[in-house]
Amino acid sequence: MITIHLDGEQTEVAEGAMLASLLKNHPPGCCAAIIRPSTKEERQTGSLSLSTTAGEITIEVAGEVAPFFETPEITDRLAIHWTDRYAAAFGPFSTPLRPARRPHLYEQNDVILGCGGYDPKKSYLIFSKSRHSADHGSDETGGIIGKVVSGRAVLDRWTTGDRIEKITPVVSWADTSRSFTTGDPGLVLEDGMQVVTHVDILAQGYTAGNVTAEAAGTVEHLLLALSSGKFRVGRAASTHILDERLTGSDVPEQYKRPRREGTVTVRTHGRSSGGVYIYQSDVSASPAHSVVGQVVHGIELVKLAKENDVFIVNVQPRRIDMLGLPLPAAKEIAAGNGLAFTVDNETGERIVVSQEPGTTLDALNEKAVSVTTAPLAKVIDLELDDEAAPDSCEIFRRITGLREHDAGVMPLFFKFDDSFLFKPAIPKEVRLHPENVPKDEVPAAALGITNDSRKGAGIVGVRLSANKEFGPTSEPFEGTNIIGKVIDTAKLKGLRERDKVYIREVRK
């Protein structure tokens, strides 16, 4: 048998076992980080990794590792005792400390061994959040036993109820010739190998028992961007990796902070606006980036990820978006999150078409949510054809709200014979180039959008009968992009002009 470190937990497998034996439920196409053992990598670096309920930090130890770190029961005693703008203290526990009873000057990110009331039996592990002078009950040296070198953003997240759950020595894995990402299930495992299968992110403003909404809008964008549970590396730079799938989105500027190792941001303007960034090293704050979270597990995978890699990512909290859901399902989500639930109408089968508050963190902060519903008979299901018209389908989702939610809306502005025309608001900068234009005949129930070759660009239409001359928006074929089909055509007949029409996308 050989020993493997799987996501920080030690496990034993048979000699000659392959990666597939560890990743039985791993989604196909998703990679894992592999850190091979070597003489260099097996040597301890003089640093300690502390897993806390708010994220992982790394301490570079000053001198010898303090003995209390190696005490088996120490993590049982490391709950947060107090925190303020200058420092945070975990404990108490007993040490042979001899307090000097005088103040010392501490720098940001210093790790201090001190005690309360000058009693060594009430010792604390103290983390300095900013430069300050204080008497922390330390010895005559000032009690500095180390410095936080990564995960610094976690210090500002600590609050009542947080604790240090695990302390492990850091092993060097900087030799990237022996550390890499792979999705190869046939990779033969080696004794001492580290395997990291996923990245966990804690959203800004969300901790156990405490929710704040200072970044609610940008965090909602993060939850949407990573709702698939996968991070797709569109760009891998020396300081960060970038998921570009929602670039081009409008994102509010909310929470500007330095971008530390493991910090997650969303770009708020520029060419990559809407992109999600995870930082591999510390860089300064940027007015174009809002901080939306912190990596609390899997920084190794972030550091090793290459362009076009895809890996599993879990974000806490889960997104609370009820739009498009049947009313019973929405009630179930509210109950599962401990939210008071208010609904406008409960008569018959109803679908949620609006939610207040509209963001997850606001809902959790207020501990309540109210929804507006529509009868199922007035919610129209449709299918979009991304394969034939990817750009037009993406624009349609954007202008109807289907990009952000499972239910969208568009106003009916004209109805004649068996044709129905809708006019959702379309931004001036959006361009609808001809794509998937009809050739011989437009089938019944086809969903079309007028392209930029015609004056009415952006108008959406559906026709209940086939036509060999005009598209669903009553434009010639060359002016029409076919983007999908309407499933619930019978529901169209009851619509009136100026009605708000609620739609849901049915995925194939």
Protein backbone atom coordinates (compact mmCIF):
# COMPACT_ATOMS: atom_id res chain seq x y z
CA MET A 1 0.00 0.00 0.00
CA ILE A 2 1.10 3.60 -0.64
CA THR A 3 0.02 6.87 0.99
CA ILE A 4 -1.67 9.62 -1.03
CA HIS A 5 -2.72 13.08 0.20
CA LEU A 6 -6.14 13.64 -1.37
CA ASP A 7 -7.39 17.21 -0.83
CA GLY A 8 -5.33 17.39 2.36
CA GLU A 9 -6.54 14.09 3.77
CA GLN A 10 -4.22 11.10 3.99
CA THR A 11 -5.46 7.93 2.32
CA GLU A 12 -3.95 4.59 1.35
CA VAL A 13 -4.25 2.91 -2.05
CA ALA A 14 -2.75 -0.20 -3.58
CA GLU A 15 0.65 0.15 -5.19
CA GLY A 16 0.21 0.68 -8.92
CA ALA A 17 -3.25 2.24 -8.48
CA MET A 18 -4.27 4.86 -11.02
CA LEU A 19 -5.80 8.32 -10.60
CA ALA A 20 -9.20 6.97 -11.66
CA SER A 21 -9.37 4.95 -8.42
CA LEU A 22 -9.34 8.21 -6.45
CA LEU A 23 -11.60 10.22 -8.75
CA LYS A 24 -14.53 7.85 -9.17
CA ASN A 25 -17.15 10.61 -9.33
CA HIS A 26 -14.95 13.26 -10.92
CA PRO A 27 -16.71 14.98 -13.87
CA PRO A 28 -15.16 14.12 -17.24
CA GLY A 29 -13.01 16.90 -18.67
CA CYS A 30 -12.13 18.33 -15.25
CA CYS A 31 -8.48 18.28 -14.18
CA ALA A 32 -6.82 17.79 -10.80
CA ALA A 33 -3.53 19.15 -9.48
CA ILE A 34 -0.78 16.55 -9.07
CA ILE A 35 2.19 17.30 -6.83
CA ARG A 36 4.74 14.53 -7.14
CA PRO A 37 7.02 13.72 -4.23
CA SER A 38 10.73 14.46 -4.57
CA THR A 39 13.65 15.16 -2.27
CA LYS A 40 13.02 18.86 -2.59
CA GLU A 41 9.28 18.62 -2.21
CA GLU A 42 9.38 16.34 0.80
CA ARG A 43 11.43 18.85 2.80
CA GLN A 44 9.37 21.04 5.12
CA THR A 45 9.65 24.72 4.31
CA GLY A 46 9.47 26.14 7.83
CA SER A 47 5.92 27.25 7.15
CA LEU A 48 2.57 26.12 8.51
CA SER A 49 -0.79 25.95 6.76
CA LEU A 50 -3.76 26.87 8.96
CA SER A 51 -7.19 25.81 7.76
CA THR A 52 -9.82 28.10 9.28
CA THR A 53 -13.56 28.28 8.84
CA ALA A 54 -13.04 31.48 6.81
CA GLY A 55 -10.22 30.21 4.61
CA GLU A 56 -6.66 28.92 4.52
CA ILE A 57 -3.62 30.97 5.51
CA THR A 58 0.08 30.17 5.49
CA ILE A 59 2.45 31.26 8.25
CA GLU A 60 6.18 31.58 7.72
CA VAL A 61 7.59 30.57 11.09
CA ALA A 62 10.24 32.80 12.73
CA GLY A 63 12.86 30.39 14.11
CA GLU A 64 11.74 27.06 15.53
CA VAL A 65 8.08 26.06 15.36
CA ALA A 66 6.42 26.91 18.67
CA PRO A 67 5.79 23.64 20.59
CA PHE A 68 2.10 24.32 21.13
CA PHE A 69 1.52 24.02 17.35
CA GLU A 70 2.44 20.34 17.60
CA THR A 71 0.15 19.56 20.53
CA PRO A 72 -2.53 17.11 19.25
CA GLU A 73 -5.45 18.82 20.96
CA ILE A 74 -4.44 22.42 20.13
CA THR A 75 -7.02 22.89 17.36
CA ASP A 76 -9.79 22.12 19.87
CA ARG A 77 -8.78 25.30 21.68
CA LEU A 78 -8.30 27.66 18.74
CA ALA A 79 -11.69 29.35 18.44
CA ILE A 80 -11.71 33.11 17.91
CA HIS A 81 -11.81 34.89 21.26
CA TRP A 82 -11.83 38.49 20.09
CA THR A 83 -11.24 40.52 16.96
CA ASP A 84 -11.00 44.24 16.20
CA ARG A 85 -9.52 46.49 13.52
CA TYR A 86 -5.97 45.82 14.73
CA ALA A 87 -5.80 42.13 15.56
CA ALA A 88 -7.63 38.81 16.03
CA ALA A 89 -6.93 36.33 18.84
CA PHE A 90 -7.56 32.56 18.98
CA GLY A 91 -7.55 30.55 22.19
CA PRO A 92 -7.14 30.28 25.10
CA PHE A 93 -4.60 27.50 25.68
CA SER A 94 -1.76 26.95 28.12
CA THR A 95 1.93 27.75 27.44
CA PRO A 96 5.02 28.42 29.59
CA LEU A 97 5.01 32.05 28.38
CA ARG A 98 6.56 34.74 30.62
CA PRO A 99 4.79 38.02 29.87
CA ALA A 100 6.99 41.15 29.90
CA ARG A 101 4.10 43.48 30.81
CA ARG A 102 4.95 46.19 28.30
CA PRO A 103 3.74 47.23 24.83
CA HIS A 104 5.46 46.33 21.56
CA LEU A 105 5.18 47.60 18.01
CA TYR A 106 3.67 45.08 15.57
CA GLU A 107 3.53 45.15 11.79
CA GLN A 108 0.67 43.99 9.61
CA ASN A 109 0.51 40.16 9.28
CA ASP A 110 2.71 39.48 12.34
CA VAL A 111 1.72 36.32 14.23
CA ILE A 112 2.07 36.79 17.98
CA LEU A 113 2.01 34.54 21.03
CA GLY A 114 0.48 36.46 23.93
CA CYS A 115 -1.77 35.94 26.92
CA GLY A 116 -4.73 37.54 28.65
CA GLY A 117 -4.36 39.07 32.11
CA TYR A 118 -0.67 38.09 32.04
CA ASP A 119 -1.77 34.52 32.72
CA PRO A 120 0.15 31.94 30.60
CA LYS A 121 -2.74 29.50 31.09
CA LYS A 122 -4.79 31.92 28.98
CA SER A 123 -2.42 32.19 26.04
CA TYR A 124 -3.62 33.32 22.63
CA LEU A 125 -2.45 33.08 19.04
CA ILE A 126 -2.81 36.66 17.80
CA PHE A 127 -2.77 37.86 14.18
CA SER A 128 -1.94 41.51 13.51
CA LYS A 129 -4.27 43.06 10.91
CA SER A 130 -2.50 46.42 10.76
CA ARG A 131 0.54 48.22 12.21
CA HIS A 132 -0.12 48.97 15.87
CA SER A 133 1.44 49.19 19.31
CA ALA A 134 -0.07 47.10 22.12
CA ASP A 135 0.62 44.99 25.18
CA HIS A 136 -0.64 41.56 24.14
CA GLY A 137 0.88 39.83 27.18
CA SER A 138 3.85 38.60 25.16
CA ASP A 139 7.38 37.90 26.38
CA GLU A 140 10.21 40.42 26.27
CA THR A 141 10.88 39.77 22.57
CA GLY A 142 7.38 40.88 21.63
CA GLY A 143 6.19 37.32 21.02
CA ILE A 144 6.39 37.40 17.20
CA ILE A 145 6.53 33.77 16.16
CA GLY A 146 5.82 34.13 12.45
CA LYS A 147 4.24 36.09 9.63
CA VAL A 148 1.23 35.47 7.42
CA VAL A 149 2.59 35.08 3.88
CA SER A 150 -0.50 33.92 2.01
CA GLY A 151 -4.24 34.11 2.51
CA ARG A 152 -3.91 37.54 4.10
CA ALA A 153 -7.42 38.54 3.06
CA VAL A 154 -8.75 35.85 5.42
CA LEU A 155 -7.70 37.91 8.46
CA ASP A 156 -10.30 40.56 7.64
CA ARG A 157 -13.01 37.92 7.27
CA TRP A 158 -12.71 36.42 10.74
CA THR A 159 -15.68 37.00 12.99
CA THR A 160 -17.47 35.44 15.95
CA GLY A 161 -17.73 31.67 15.56
CA ASP A 162 -14.67 31.21 13.34
CA ARG A 163 -11.95 28.79 14.41
CA ILE A 164 -8.72 27.17 13.29
CA GLU A 165 -9.58 23.61 12.31
CA LYS A 166 -6.27 22.15 11.18
CA ILE A 167 -2.55 22.95 11.32
CA THR A 168 -0.23 21.19 8.90
CA PRO A 169 3.43 21.71 7.91
CA VAL A 170 3.84 23.15 4.43
CA VAL A 171 5.77 21.03 1.96
CA SER A 172 7.48 22.73 -0.96
CA TRP A 173 6.05 21.91 -4.37
CA ALA A 174 7.61 24.74 -6.39
CA ASP A 175 9.27 22.29 -8.78
CA THR A 176 6.63 22.55 -11.51
CA SER A 177 8.42 19.92 -13.59
CA ARG A 178 7.01 17.50 -11.03
CA SER A 179 3.79 19.41 -10.29
CA PHE A 180 1.09 19.77 -12.94
CA THR A 181 -2.61 19.48 -13.76
CA THR A 182 -4.08 16.48 -15.52
CA GLY A 183 -7.33 14.73 -16.28
CA ASP A 184 -5.64 11.49 -17.27
CA PRO A 185 -7.40 8.69 -15.34
CA GLY A 186 -4.52 6.34 -16.16
CA LEU A 187 -1.90 8.32 -14.26
CA VAL A 188 -0.10 5.93 -11.90
CA LEU A 189 -0.10 7.18 -8.31
CA GLU A 190 3.16 7.45 -6.36
CA ASP A 191 3.80 7.18 -2.64
CA GLY A 192 3.56 10.63 -1.03
CA MET A 193 1.81 12.21 -4.01
CA GLN A 194 -0.58 15.11 -3.34
CA VAL A 195 -3.80 15.28 -5.36
CA VAL A 196 -6.02 18.38 -5.27
CA THR A 197 -9.36 17.84 -7.01
CA HIS A 198 -11.30 21.06 -6.49
CA VAL A 199 -11.26 24.69 -5.38
CA ASP A 200 -13.55 26.02 -2.65
CA ILE A 201 -14.41 29.73 -2.57
CA LEU A 202 -16.08 31.66 0.25
CA ALA A 203 -17.97 34.68 -1.09
CA GLN A 204 -17.15 38.16 0.20
CA GLY A 205 -19.54 39.03 3.03
CA TYR A 206 -20.47 35.42 3.78
CA THR A 207 -19.18 33.59 6.84
CA ALA A 208 -20.72 31.08 9.21
CA GLY A 209 -23.40 32.86 11.20
CA ASN A 210 -22.71 36.27 9.68
CA VAL A 211 -23.75 37.79 6.34
CA THR A 212 -23.06 41.31 5.07
CA ALA A 213 -24.12 42.78 1.76
CA GLU A 214 -21.28 45.17 0.88
CA ALA A 215 -20.55 43.16 -2.28
CA ALA A 216 -24.00 41.67 -2.95
CA GLY A 217 -24.22 42.68 -6.62
CA THR A 218 -20.75 41.52 -7.65
CA VAL A 219 -21.03 38.33 -5.58
CA GLU A 220 -24.26 37.54 -7.42
CA HIS A 221 -22.32 37.80 -10.67
CA LEU A 222 -19.71 35.40 -9.26
CA LEU A 223 -22.42 32.89 -8.25
CA LEU A 224 -23.93 33.11 -11.73
CA ALA A 225 -20.59 32.82 -13.53
CA LEU A 226 -19.60 29.69 -11.60
CA SER A 227 -23.09 28.19 -11.24
CA SER A 228 -22.04 25.23 -13.39
CA GLY A 229 -19.57 24.20 -10.68
CA LYS A 230 -16.67 24.52 -13.11
CA PHE A 231 -13.95 27.13 -13.66
CA ARG A 232 -12.75 27.38 -17.28
CA VAL A 233 -9.29 28.93 -17.57
CA GLY A 234 -9.47 31.28 -20.54
CA ARG A 235 -6.23 32.96 -19.59
CA ALA A 236 -3.40 31.91 -17.27
CA ALA A 237 -1.01 34.77 -16.38
CA SER A 238 1.85 35.01 -13.89
CA THR A 239 -0.43 36.46 -11.19
CA HIS A 240 -3.90 35.11 -11.95
CA ILE A 241 -6.20 32.84 -13.90
CA LEU A 242 -9.33 34.13 -15.64
CA ASP A 243 -12.71 32.62 -16.50
CA GLU A 244 -14.03 34.65 -19.45
CA ARG A 245 -17.46 33.08 -19.97
CA LEU A 246 -19.42 36.12 -18.75
CA THR A 247 -17.19 38.84 -20.12
CA GLY A 248 -19.18 41.69 -21.60
CA SER A 249 -21.51 41.83 -18.59
CA ASP A 250 -22.37 45.01 -16.71
CA VAL A 251 -21.06 44.61 -13.15
CA PRO A 252 -21.29 47.23 -10.37
CA GLU A 253 -18.17 48.61 -8.67
CA GLN A 254 -18.51 47.62 -5.02
CA TYR A 255 -15.64 46.28 -2.93
CA LYS A 256 -12.11 47.54 -3.70
CA ARG A 257 -9.35 45.82 -1.74
CA PRO A 258 -5.79 44.57 -2.36
CA ARG A 259 -5.74 41.36 -4.37
CA ARG A 260 -3.93 38.80 -2.24
CA GLU A 261 -3.05 35.22 -3.05
CA GLY A 262 -6.35 33.35 -3.29
CA THR A 263 -8.45 36.51 -3.68
CA VAL A 264 -11.29 36.23 -6.21
CA THR A 265 -12.36 39.34 -8.13
CA VAL A 266 -14.74 40.35 -10.89
CA ARG A 267 -13.61 42.94 -13.41
CA THR A 268 -16.10 45.83 -13.45
CA HIS A 269 -15.02 47.65 -16.62
CA GLY A 270 -12.67 47.27 -19.54
CA ARG A 271 -12.40 44.61 -22.24
CA SER A 272 -12.80 41.71 -19.80
CA SER A 273 -15.62 43.25 -17.78
CA GLY A 274 -17.56 40.45 -16.12
CA GLY A 275 -14.59 38.06 -16.08
CA VAL A 276 -13.81 36.15 -12.87
CA TYR A 277 -10.18 36.28 -11.69
CA ILE A 278 -8.43 34.15 -9.06
CA TYR A 279 -5.04 35.44 -7.90
CA GLN A 280 -1.99 33.22 -7.47
CA SER A 281 0.12 35.96 -5.88
CA ASP A 282 -0.32 39.35 -4.24
CA VAL A 283 -0.98 42.44 -6.39
CA SER A 284 -2.27 45.89 -5.48
CA ALA A 285 -5.92 46.95 -5.58
CA SER A 286 -7.39 48.10 -8.90
CA PRO A 287 -10.33 50.43 -9.56
CA ALA A 288 -11.37 47.99 -12.31
CA HIS A 289 -11.72 45.02 -9.94
CA SER A 290 -14.15 44.28 -7.11
CA VAL A 291 -13.27 41.60 -4.57
CA VAL A 292 -15.96 38.89 -4.47
CA GLY A 293 -14.41 36.01 -2.53
CA GLN A 294 -11.47 34.08 -1.16
CA VAL A 295 -10.13 30.63 -1.97
CA VAL A 296 -10.39 28.52 1.19
CA HIS A 297 -9.21 25.25 -0.36
CA GLY A 298 -7.29 24.27 -3.46
CA ILE A 299 -4.86 27.17 -4.01
CA GLU A 300 -2.41 24.58 -5.40
CA LEU A 301 -4.82 23.84 -8.24
CA VAL A 302 -5.16 27.58 -8.93
CA LYS A 303 -1.38 28.01 -9.10
CA LEU A 304 -0.84 25.08 -11.44
CA ALA A 305 -3.82 25.60 -13.77
CA LYS A 306 -3.01 26.19 -17.43
CA GLU A 307 -4.93 27.90 -20.20
CA ASN A 308 -7.95 25.80 -21.30
CA ASP A 309 -7.92 23.76 -18.07
CA VAL A 310 -11.32 23.12 -16.49
CA PHE A 311 -11.59 22.29 -12.78
CA ILE A 312 -14.30 21.84 -10.17
CA VAL A 313 -15.13 24.92 -8.12
CA ASN A 314 -17.55 25.19 -5.19
CA VAL A 315 -18.75 28.61 -4.03
CA GLN A 316 -20.46 29.28 -0.72
CA PRO A 317 -23.21 30.27 -0.37
CA ARG A 318 -25.25 28.59 -3.08
CA ARG A 319 -27.10 31.07 -5.30
CA ILE A 320 -30.68 31.84 -4.29
CA ASP A 321 -32.47 32.51 -7.58
CA MET A 322 -36.10 31.44 -7.71
CA LEU A 323 -37.06 32.87 -11.10
CA GLY A 324 -38.54 30.23 -13.37
CA LEU A 325 -39.24 27.81 -10.54
CA PRO A 326 -42.66 26.39 -9.64
CA LEU A 327 -43.95 27.95 -6.43
CA PRO A 328 -43.49 24.79 -4.27
CA ALA A 329 -39.81 24.57 -5.29
CA ALA A 330 -39.28 28.24 -4.39
CA LYS A 331 -40.84 27.68 -0.96
CA GLU A 332 -38.52 24.74 -0.42
CA ILE A 333 -35.44 26.84 -1.21
CA ALA A 334 -36.58 29.59 1.16
CA ALA A 335 -37.17 27.10 3.97
CA GLY A 336 -33.78 25.45 3.36
CA ASN A 337 -32.06 28.82 3.79
CA GLY A 338 -34.11 29.89 6.81
CA LEU A 339 -35.84 32.72 4.92
CA ALA A 340 -39.29 34.14 5.63
CA PHE A 341 -41.28 33.69 2.42
CA THR A 342 -43.95 36.01 0.99
CA VAL A 343 -45.85 35.34 -2.23
CA ASP A 344 -48.32 37.53 -4.15
CA ASN A 345 -50.73 34.75 -5.16
CA GLU A 346 -50.95 31.02 -4.48
CA THR A 347 -53.94 30.16 -6.66
CA GLY A 348 -53.36 27.26 -9.05
CA GLU A 349 -50.05 26.32 -10.68
CA ARG A 350 -47.75 29.33 -10.58
CA ILE A 351 -44.19 30.16 -11.67
CA VAL A 352 -41.91 32.69 -9.96
CA VAL A 353 -41.18 35.62 -12.29
CA SER A 354 -39.68 38.14 -9.85
CA GLN A 355 -37.82 37.98 -6.52
CA GLU A 356 -37.01 40.58 -3.88
CA PRO A 357 -34.30 41.00 -2.72
CA GLY A 358 -32.79 40.06 -6.03
CA THR A 359 -29.38 38.98 -4.74
CA THR A 360 -28.38 36.03 -2.59
CA LEU A 361 -26.47 37.99 0.06
CA ASP A 362 -29.25 40.58 0.45
CA ALA A 363 -31.78 37.77 0.94
CA LEU A 364 -29.58 36.00 3.51
CA ASN A 365 -28.83 39.28 5.27
CA GLU A 366 -32.50 40.22 5.52
CA LYS A 367 -33.51 36.59 6.20
CA ALA A 368 -36.57 37.09 4.00
CA VAL A 369 -37.63 36.95 0.38
CA SER A 370 -40.82 37.88 -1.47
CA VAL A 371 -41.79 36.67 -4.93
CA THR A 372 -44.13 37.64 -7.71
CA THR A 373 -45.66 34.79 -9.68
CA ALA A 374 -47.50 34.20 -12.93
CA PRO A 375 -49.94 31.41 -13.80
CA LEU A 376 -48.21 28.54 -15.59
CA ALA A 377 -50.66 29.12 -18.46
CA LYS A 378 -48.98 32.49 -19.13
CA VAL A 379 -45.36 31.28 -19.01
CA ILE A 380 -44.09 30.23 -22.42
CA ASP A 381 -41.33 27.64 -22.81
CA LEU A 382 -38.89 27.80 -25.68
CA GLU A 383 -35.72 26.15 -26.96
CA LEU A 384 -32.66 28.04 -28.24
CA ASP A 385 -30.35 26.71 -30.92
CA ASP A 386 -26.83 27.59 -29.74
CA GLU A 387 -25.24 25.31 -32.28
CA ALA A 388 -26.70 27.14 -35.29
CA ALA A 389 -26.84 30.69 -33.88
CA PRO A 390 -24.56 31.00 -30.82
CA ASP A 391 -24.10 34.79 -30.96
CA SER A 392 -27.77 35.59 -31.55
CA CYS A 393 -28.88 33.20 -28.79
CA GLU A 394 -26.50 34.83 -26.34
CA ILE A 395 -27.83 38.29 -27.23
CA PHE A 396 -31.41 37.04 -26.85
CA ARG A 397 -30.63 35.72 -23.37
CA ARG A 398 -29.00 38.99 -22.44
CA ILE A 399 -31.90 41.23 -23.53
CA THR A 400 -34.64 39.04 -22.01
CA GLY A 401 -32.95 38.20 -18.68
CA LEU A 402 -32.42 34.52 -19.47
CA ARG A 403 -28.66 35.00 -19.13
CA GLU A 404 -29.03 35.66 -15.41
CA HIS A 405 -32.19 33.72 -14.55
CA ASP A 406 -34.28 30.73 -15.56
CA ALA A 407 -37.19 33.04 -16.41
CA GLY A 408 -37.15 36.09 -18.67
CA VAL A 409 -39.59 38.66 -19.95
CA MET A 410 -40.29 40.46 -23.22
CA PRO A 411 -43.21 42.77 -24.14
CA LEU A 412 -45.61 41.87 -26.93
CA PHE A 413 -45.96 44.99 -29.07
CA PHE A 414 -47.75 43.70 -32.18
CA LYS A 415 -50.03 40.77 -33.02
CA PHE A 416 -51.59 40.01 -36.39
CA ASP A 417 -52.93 36.85 -38.05
CA ASP A 418 -50.71 34.07 -36.71
CA SER A 419 -47.66 36.29 -36.06
CA PHE A 420 -46.49 37.69 -32.72
CA LEU A 421 -43.80 40.39 -32.45
CA PHE A 422 -41.90 41.27 -29.28
CA LYS A 423 -39.65 44.25 -28.62
CA PRO A 424 -37.19 43.70 -25.74
CA ALA A 425 -34.81 46.57 -24.98
CA ILE A 426 -31.53 46.10 -26.80
CA PRO A 427 -28.42 48.20 -26.00
CA LYS A 428 -27.12 50.41 -28.81
CA GLU A 429 -23.71 48.79 -28.81
CA VAL A 430 -25.11 45.28 -29.46
CA ARG A 431 -24.58 44.05 -33.00
CA LEU A 432 -26.73 41.33 -34.59
CA HIS A 433 -24.83 40.13 -37.64
CA PRO A 434 -26.65 37.75 -40.00
CA GLU A 435 -26.55 34.24 -38.55
CA ASN A 436 -28.53 31.09 -39.36
CA VAL A 437 -30.74 32.91 -41.89
CA PRO A 438 -33.52 30.78 -43.47
CA LYS A 439 -33.08 29.34 -46.96
CA ASP A 440 -36.18 27.65 -48.32
CA GLU A 441 -38.87 27.75 -45.62
CA VAL A 442 -39.29 28.87 -42.04
CA PRO A 443 -41.06 26.13 -40.06
CA ALA A 444 -44.03 26.82 -37.81
CA ALA A 445 -43.17 27.95 -34.24
CA ALA A 446 -39.65 29.06 -35.27
CA LEU A 447 -38.28 31.85 -33.05
CA GLY A 448 -36.45 34.59 -34.93
CA ILE A 449 -34.73 37.92 -34.29
CA THR A 450 -34.21 40.65 -36.87
CA ASN A 451 -30.53 41.24 -37.67
CA ASP A 452 -28.66 44.47 -38.38
CA SER A 453 -29.35 44.35 -42.12
CA ARG A 454 -32.88 45.65 -41.41
CA LYS A 455 -34.22 48.74 -39.68
CA GLY A 456 -36.02 46.81 -36.94
CA ALA A 457 -32.93 45.03 -35.59
CA GLY A 458 -33.60 43.34 -32.26
CA ILE A 459 -37.29 42.64 -32.81
CA VAL A 460 -38.19 39.07 -31.83
CA GLY A 461 -40.98 37.14 -33.54
CA VAL A 462 -42.74 33.81 -33.87
CA ARG A 463 -45.19 32.63 -36.53
CA LEU A 464 -47.60 29.74 -35.94
CA SER A 465 -47.49 28.55 -39.55
CA ALA A 466 -44.64 27.77 -41.95
CA ASN A 467 -43.68 30.42 -44.50
CA LYS A 468 -41.53 30.32 -47.65
CA GLU A 469 -41.14 34.10 -48.05
CA PHE A 470 -40.82 35.84 -44.66
CA GLY A 471 -39.25 35.06 -41.35
CA PRO A 472 -40.96 35.04 -37.91
CA THR A 473 -40.50 38.84 -37.60
CA SER A 474 -42.11 39.39 -41.05
CA GLU A 475 -38.75 40.39 -42.53
CA PRO A 476 -37.21 38.81 -45.64
CA PHE A 477 -35.05 35.76 -45.01
CA GLU A 478 -31.78 37.71 -45.24
CA GLY A 479 -32.90 39.98 -42.39
CA THR A 480 -33.86 37.15 -40.02
CA ASN A 481 -31.75 35.06 -37.66
CA ILE A 482 -33.46 31.84 -36.55
CA ILE A 483 -32.53 31.27 -32.88
CA GLY A 484 -34.81 28.42 -31.79
CA LYS A 485 -38.43 27.46 -31.45
CA VAL A 486 -41.43 28.11 -29.19
CA ILE A 487 -42.81 25.03 -27.46
CA ASP A 488 -45.98 26.44 -25.93
CA THR A 489 -47.50 27.91 -29.12
CA ALA A 490 -51.06 27.41 -27.83
CA LYS A 491 -50.38 29.92 -25.04
CA LEU A 492 -49.55 32.64 -27.58
CA LYS A 493 -53.14 32.83 -28.78
CA GLY A 494 -54.35 34.30 -25.50
CA LEU A 495 -51.83 37.17 -25.50
CA ARG A 496 -52.78 40.81 -26.00
CA GLU A 497 -50.64 43.66 -27.25
CA ARG A 498 -48.54 45.33 -24.51
CA ASP A 499 -48.67 42.19 -22.37
CA LYS A 500 -45.52 41.26 -20.51
CA VAL A 501 -44.72 37.79 -21.75
CA TYR A 502 -42.79 35.54 -19.36
CA ILE A 503 -40.53 32.96 -20.94
CA ARG A 504 -38.45 29.98 -19.78
CA GLU A 505 -35.68 28.24 -21.67
CA VAL A 506 -35.92 24.48 -21.93
CA ARG A 507 -32.42 22.98 -22.20
CA LYS A 508 -31.97 20.03 -24.53
